[in-house]
Amino acid sequence: MNIKWNFLLLAFLAAASMAGIGISVGERSLIGIIICILALIGIMGYGFATKKKMREQGKLK
């Protein structure tokens, strides 16, 4: 089994951002919600861009 640790880390960070959104909603913190949404967009965007770049270089199957 070949684990891509950088993608695993990005998945955990994205999940933490989603959990942060839920916590912020519970706390009724608009700033927290916005920060977590922006973090989620950034993390997922970086992950997809990295995956595309690695696939084009032939490093992913």
PDB file of N, CA and C in Angstrom:
ATOM      1  N   MET A   1       0.849  -1.182   0.000  1.00  0.00           N
ATOM      2  CA  MET A   1       0.000   0.000   0.000  1.00  0.00           C
ATOM      3  C   MET A   1       0.893   1.245   0.000  1.00  0.00           C
ATOM      4  N   ASN A   2       0.630   2.120  -0.938  1.00  0.00           N
ATOM      5  CA  ASN A   2       1.433   3.333  -1.088  1.00  0.00           C
ATOM      6  C   ASN A   2       0.605   4.540  -0.644  1.00  0.00           C
ATOM      7  N   ILE A   3       0.910   5.056   0.533  1.00  0.00           N
ATOM      8  CA  ILE A   3       0.147   6.176   1.085  1.00  0.00           C
ATOM      9  C   ILE A   3       0.803   7.491   0.689  1.00  0.00           C
ATOM     10  N   LYS A   4       0.028   8.392   0.150  1.00  0.00           N
ATOM     11  CA  LYS A   4       0.502   9.747  -0.145  1.00  0.00           C
ATOM     12  C   LYS A   4       0.233  10.597   1.091  1.00  0.00           C
ATOM     13  N   TRP A   5       1.248  10.751   1.931  1.00  0.00           N
ATOM     14  CA  TRP A   5       1.078  11.402   3.227  1.00  0.00           C
ATOM     15  C   TRP A   5       0.652  12.850   3.096  1.00  0.00           C
ATOM     16  N   ASN A   6       1.109  13.550   2.054  1.00  0.00           N
ATOM     17  CA  ASN A   6       0.708  14.946   1.899  1.00  0.00           C
ATOM     18  C   ASN A   6      -0.800  15.062   1.626  1.00  0.00           C
ATOM     19  N   PHE A   7      -1.353  14.117   0.866  1.00  0.00           N
ATOM     20  CA  PHE A   7      -2.789  14.148   0.608  1.00  0.00           C
ATOM     21  C   PHE A   7      -3.587  13.757   1.852  1.00  0.00           C
ATOM     22  N   LEU A   8      -3.045  12.848   2.641  1.00  0.00           N
ATOM     23  CA  LEU A   8      -3.701  12.474   3.893  1.00  0.00           C
ATOM     24  C   LEU A   8      -3.748  13.673   4.841  1.00  0.00           C
ATOM     25  N   LEU A   9      -2.651  14.404   4.926  1.00  0.00           N
ATOM     26  CA  LEU A   9      -2.618  15.605   5.767  1.00  0.00           C
ATOM     27  C   LEU A   9      -3.618  16.646   5.275  1.00  0.00           C
ATOM     28  N   LEU A  10      -3.681  16.846   3.969  1.00  0.00           N
ATOM     29  CA  LEU A  10      -4.647  17.804   3.417  1.00  0.00           C
ATOM     30  C   LEU A  10      -6.086  17.369   3.700  1.00  0.00           C
ATOM     31  N   ALA A  11      -6.353  16.072   3.649  1.00  0.00           N
ATOM     32  CA  ALA A  11      -7.697  15.575   3.944  1.00  0.00           C
ATOM     33  C   ALA A  11      -8.061  15.842   5.404  1.00  0.00           C
ATOM     34  N   PHE A  12      -7.111  15.622   6.319  1.00  0.00           N
ATOM     35  CA  PHE A  12      -7.376  15.899   7.730  1.00  0.00           C
ATOM     36  C   PHE A  12      -7.589  17.393   7.965  1.00  0.00           C
ATOM     37  N   LEU A  13      -6.801  18.235   7.301  1.00  0.00           N
ATOM     38  CA  LEU A  13      -6.972  19.678   7.456  1.00  0.00           C
ATOM     39  C   LEU A  13      -8.323  20.138   6.912  1.00  0.00           C
ATOM     40  N   ALA A  14      -8.744  19.570   5.780  1.00  0.00           N
ATOM     41  CA  ALA A  14     -10.047  19.921   5.219  1.00  0.00           C
ATOM     42  C   ALA A  14     -11.175  19.482   6.156  1.00  0.00           C
ATOM     43  N   ALA A  15     -11.040  18.283   6.722  1.00  0.00           N
ATOM     44  CA  ALA A  15     -12.057  17.809   7.663  1.00  0.00           C
ATOM     45  C   ALA A  15     -12.087  18.683   8.915  1.00  0.00           C
ATOM     46  N   ALA A  16     -10.920  19.126   9.370  1.00  0.00           N
ATOM     47  CA  ALA A  16     -10.863  20.014  10.532  1.00  0.00           C
ATOM     48  C   ALA A  16     -11.521  21.357  10.222  1.00  0.00           C
ATOM     49  N   SER A  17     -11.354  21.840   8.997  1.00  0.00           N
ATOM     50  CA  SER A  17     -12.011  23.086   8.603  1.00  0.00           C
ATOM     51  C   SER A  17     -13.526  22.921   8.574  1.00  0.00           C
ATOM     52  N   MET A  18     -13.982  21.768   8.096  1.00  0.00           N
ATOM     53  CA  MET A  18     -15.429  21.511   8.104  1.00  0.00           C
ATOM     54  C   MET A  18     -15.959  21.447   9.528  1.00  0.00           C
ATOM     55  N   ALA A  19     -15.208  20.797  10.401  1.00  0.00           N
ATOM     56  CA  ALA A  19     -15.617  20.745  11.803  1.00  0.00           C
ATOM     57  C   ALA A  19     -15.601  22.143  12.407  1.00  0.00           C
ATOM     58  N   GLY A  20     -14.631  22.952  12.014  1.00  0.00           N
ATOM     59  CA  GLY A  20     -14.558  24.332  12.485  1.00  0.00           C
ATOM     60  C   GLY A  20     -15.772  25.146  12.059  1.00  0.00           C
ATOM     61  N   ILE A  21     -16.270  24.878  10.865  1.00  0.00           N
ATOM     62  CA  ILE A  21     -17.482  25.558  10.413  1.00  0.00           C
ATOM     63  C   ILE A  21     -18.645  25.196  11.326  1.00  0.00           C
ATOM     64  N   GLY A  22     -18.783  23.911  11.640  1.00  0.00           N
ATOM     65  CA  GLY A  22     -19.862  23.475  12.518  1.00  0.00           C
ATOM     66  C   GLY A  22     -19.746  24.066  13.909  1.00  0.00           C
ATOM     67  N   ILE A  23     -18.538  24.098  14.434  1.00  0.00           N
ATOM     68  CA  ILE A  23     -18.325  24.683  15.757  1.00  0.00           C
ATOM     69  C   ILE A  23     -18.639  26.174  15.742  1.00  0.00           C
ATOM     70  N   SER A  24     -18.206  26.843  14.683  1.00  0.00           N
ATOM     71  CA  SER A  24     -18.459  28.281  14.573  1.00  0.00           C
ATOM     72  C   SER A  24     -19.948  28.587  14.449  1.00  0.00           C
ATOM     73  N   VAL A  25     -20.673  27.733  13.742  1.00  0.00           N
ATOM     74  CA  VAL A  25     -22.127  27.908  13.650  1.00  0.00           C
ATOM     75  C   VAL A  25     -22.751  27.744  15.036  1.00  0.00           C
ATOM     76  N   GLY A  26     -22.284  26.739  15.766  1.00  0.00           N
ATOM     77  CA  GLY A  26     -22.804  26.523  17.114  1.00  0.00           C
ATOM     78  C   GLY A  26     -22.499  27.679  18.055  1.00  0.00           C
ATOM     79  N   GLU A  27     -21.351  28.292  17.852  1.00  0.00           N
ATOM     80  CA  GLU A  27     -20.960  29.436  18.674  1.00  0.00           C
ATOM     81  C   GLU A  27     -21.504  30.762  18.132  1.00  0.00           C
ATOM     82  N   ARG A  28     -22.161  30.690  16.990  1.00  0.00           N
ATOM     83  CA  ARG A  28     -22.706  31.876  16.314  1.00  0.00           C
ATOM     84  C   ARG A  28     -21.624  32.920  16.035  1.00  0.00           C
ATOM     85  N   SER A  29     -20.489  32.434  15.538  1.00  0.00           N
ATOM     86  CA  SER A  29     -19.350  33.298  15.229  1.00  0.00           C
ATOM     87  C   SER A  29     -19.233  33.444  13.714  1.00  0.00           C
ATOM     88  N   LEU A  30     -19.663  34.568  13.197  1.00  0.00           N
ATOM     89  CA  LEU A  30     -19.605  34.811  11.763  1.00  0.00           C
ATOM     90  C   LEU A  30     -18.161  34.860  11.275  1.00  0.00           C
ATOM     91  N   ILE A  31     -17.286  35.457  12.045  1.00  0.00           N
ATOM     92  CA  ILE A  31     -15.870  35.539  11.656  1.00  0.00           C
ATOM     93  C   ILE A  31     -15.269  34.131  11.591  1.00  0.00           C
ATOM     94  N   GLY A  32     -15.582  33.286  12.573  1.00  0.00           N
ATOM     95  CA  GLY A  32     -15.085  31.912  12.561  1.00  0.00           C
ATOM     96  C   GLY A  32     -15.583  31.134  11.363  1.00  0.00           C
ATOM     97  N   ILE A  33     -16.845  31.317  11.027  1.00  0.00           N
ATOM     98  CA  ILE A  33     -17.424  30.635   9.866  1.00  0.00           C
ATOM     99  C   ILE A  33     -16.702  31.053   8.596  1.00  0.00           C
ATOM    100  N   ILE A  34     -16.500  32.348   8.431  1.00  0.00           N
ATOM    101  CA  ILE A  34     -15.841  32.865   7.226  1.00  0.00           C
ATOM    102  C   ILE A  34     -14.403  32.364   7.134  1.00  0.00           C
ATOM    103  N   ILE A  35     -13.677  32.400   8.253  1.00  0.00           N
ATOM    104  CA  ILE A  35     -12.290  31.943   8.252  1.00  0.00           C
ATOM    105  C   ILE A  35     -12.211  30.461   7.897  1.00  0.00           C
ATOM    106  N   CYS A  36     -13.086  29.653   8.476  1.00  0.00           N
ATOM    107  CA  CYS A  36     -13.072  28.217   8.203  1.00  0.00           C
ATOM    108  C   CYS A  36     -13.469  27.905   6.763  1.00  0.00           C
ATOM    109  N   ILE A  37     -14.415  28.649   6.219  1.00  0.00           N
ATOM    110  CA  ILE A  37     -14.802  28.444   4.822  1.00  0.00           C
ATOM    111  C   ILE A  37     -13.644  28.806   3.891  1.00  0.00           C
ATOM    112  N   LEU A  38     -12.992  29.925   4.160  1.00  0.00           N
ATOM    113  CA  LEU A  38     -11.844  30.319   3.331  1.00  0.00           C
ATOM    114  C   LEU A  38     -10.705  29.307   3.450  1.00  0.00           C
ATOM    115  N   ALA A  39     -10.472  28.804   4.670  1.00  0.00           N
ATOM    116  CA  ALA A  39      -9.434  27.787   4.856  1.00  0.00           C
ATOM    117  C   ALA A  39      -9.788  26.522   4.080  1.00  0.00           C
ATOM    118  N   LEU A  40     -11.043  26.113   4.126  1.00  0.00           N
ATOM    119  CA  LEU A  40     -11.481  24.924   3.408  1.00  0.00           C
ATOM    120  C   LEU A  40     -11.298  25.084   1.904  1.00  0.00           C
ATOM    121  N   ILE A  41     -11.685  26.226   1.378  1.00  0.00           N
ATOM    122  CA  ILE A  41     -11.516  26.484  -0.058  1.00  0.00           C
ATOM    123  C   ILE A  41     -10.039  26.451  -0.435  1.00  0.00           C
ATOM    124  N   GLY A  42      -9.198  27.081   0.383  1.00  0.00           N
ATOM    125  CA  GLY A  42      -7.765  27.101   0.104  1.00  0.00           C
ATOM    126  C   GLY A  42      -7.134  25.722   0.168  1.00  0.00           C
ATOM    127  N   ILE A  43      -7.462  24.959   1.200  1.00  0.00           N
ATOM    128  CA  ILE A  43      -6.888  23.621   1.376  1.00  0.00           C
ATOM    129  C   ILE A  43      -7.328  22.690   0.253  1.00  0.00           C
ATOM    130  N   MET A  44      -8.618  22.697  -0.056  1.00  0.00           N
ATOM    131  CA  MET A  44      -9.109  21.803  -1.113  1.00  0.00           C
ATOM    132  C   MET A  44      -8.595  22.227  -2.486  1.00  0.00           C
ATOM    133  N   GLY A  45      -8.537  23.521  -2.724  1.00  0.00           N
ATOM    134  CA  GLY A  45      -7.998  24.001  -3.988  1.00  0.00           C
ATOM    135  C   GLY A  45      -6.541  23.617  -4.170  1.00  0.00           C
ATOM    136  N   TYR A  46      -5.754  23.773  -3.105  1.00  0.00           N
ATOM    137  CA  TYR A  46      -4.346  23.378  -3.161  1.00  0.00           C
ATOM    138  C   TYR A  46      -4.219  21.877  -3.398  1.00  0.00           C
ATOM    139  N   GLY A  47      -5.035  21.091  -2.727  1.00  0.00           N
ATOM    140  CA  GLY A  47      -4.995  19.637  -2.897  1.00  0.00           C
ATOM    141  C   GLY A  47      -5.332  19.206  -4.310  1.00  0.00           C
ATOM    142  N   PHE A  48      -6.384  19.772  -4.875  1.00  0.00           N
ATOM    143  CA  PHE A  48      -6.758  19.412  -6.248  1.00  0.00           C
ATOM    144  C   PHE A  48      -5.717  19.871  -7.254  1.00  0.00           C
ATOM    145  N   ALA A  49      -5.140  21.062  -7.042  1.00  0.00           N
ATOM    146  CA  ALA A  49      -4.100  21.551  -7.953  1.00  0.00           C
ATOM    147  C   ALA A  49      -2.855  20.668  -7.873  1.00  0.00           C
ATOM    148  N   THR A  50      -2.495  20.265  -6.671  1.00  0.00           N
ATOM    149  CA  THR A  50      -1.336  19.395  -6.495  1.00  0.00           C
ATOM    150  C   THR A  50      -1.577  18.039  -7.144  1.00  0.00           C
ATOM    151  N   LYS A  51      -2.770  17.505  -6.968  1.00  0.00           N
ATOM    152  CA  LYS A  51      -3.097  16.215  -7.571  1.00  0.00           C
ATOM    153  C   LYS A  51      -3.047  16.289  -9.096  1.00  0.00           C
ATOM    154  N   LYS A  52      -3.566  17.368  -9.655  1.00  0.00           N
ATOM    155  CA  LYS A  52      -3.535  17.534 -11.106  1.00  0.00           C
ATOM    156  C   LYS A  52      -2.101  17.620 -11.609  1.00  0.00           C
ATOM    157  N   LYS A  53      -1.276  18.386 -10.901  1.00  0.00           N
ATOM    158  CA  LYS A  53       0.122  18.551 -11.303  1.00  0.00           C
ATOM    159  C   LYS A  53       0.862  17.211 -11.227  1.00  0.00           C
ATOM    160  N   MET A  54       0.631  16.450 -10.163  1.00  0.00           N
ATOM    161  CA  MET A  54       1.294  15.153 -10.025  1.00  0.00           C
ATOM    162  C   MET A  54       0.802  14.172 -11.085  1.00  0.00           C
ATOM    163  N   ARG A  55      -0.473  14.223 -11.421  1.00  0.00           N
ATOM    164  CA  ARG A  55      -1.006  13.332 -12.453  1.00  0.00           C
ATOM    165  C   ARG A  55      -0.396  13.666 -13.811  1.00  0.00           C
ATOM    166  N   GLU A  56      -0.239  14.951 -14.107  1.00  0.00           N
ATOM    167  CA  GLU A  56       0.366  15.356 -15.380  1.00  0.00           C
ATOM    168  C   GLU A  56       1.826  14.963 -15.464  1.00  0.00           C
ATOM    169  N   GLN A  57       2.516  14.923 -14.326  1.00  0.00           N
ATOM    170  CA  GLN A  57       3.925  14.516 -14.298  1.00  0.00           C
ATOM    171  C   GLN A  57       4.088  13.005 -14.282  1.00  0.00           C
ATOM    172  N   GLY A  58       2.990  12.270 -14.167  1.00  0.00           N
ATOM    173  CA  GLY A  58       3.032  10.831 -14.158  1.00  0.00           C
ATOM    174  C   GLY A  58       3.361  10.223 -12.814  1.00  0.00           C
ATOM    175  N   LYS A  59       3.242  11.004 -11.740  1.00  0.00           N
ATOM    176  CA  LYS A  59       3.541  10.507 -10.405  1.00  0.00           C
ATOM    177  C   LYS A  59       2.348   9.838  -9.753  1.00  0.00           C
ATOM    178  N   LEU A  60       1.163  10.015 -10.323  1.00  0.00           N
ATOM    179  CA  LEU A  60      -0.045   9.342  -9.842  1.00  0.00           C
ATOM    180  C   LEU A  60      -0.588   8.451 -10.938  1.00  0.00           C
ATOM    181  N   LYS A  61      -1.269   7.418 -10.527  1.00  0.00           N
ATOM    182  CA  LYS A  61      -1.839   6.496 -11.528  1.00  0.00           C
ATOM    183  C   LYS A  61      -3.272   6.854 -11.785  1.00  0.00           C
TER     184      LYS A  61
END
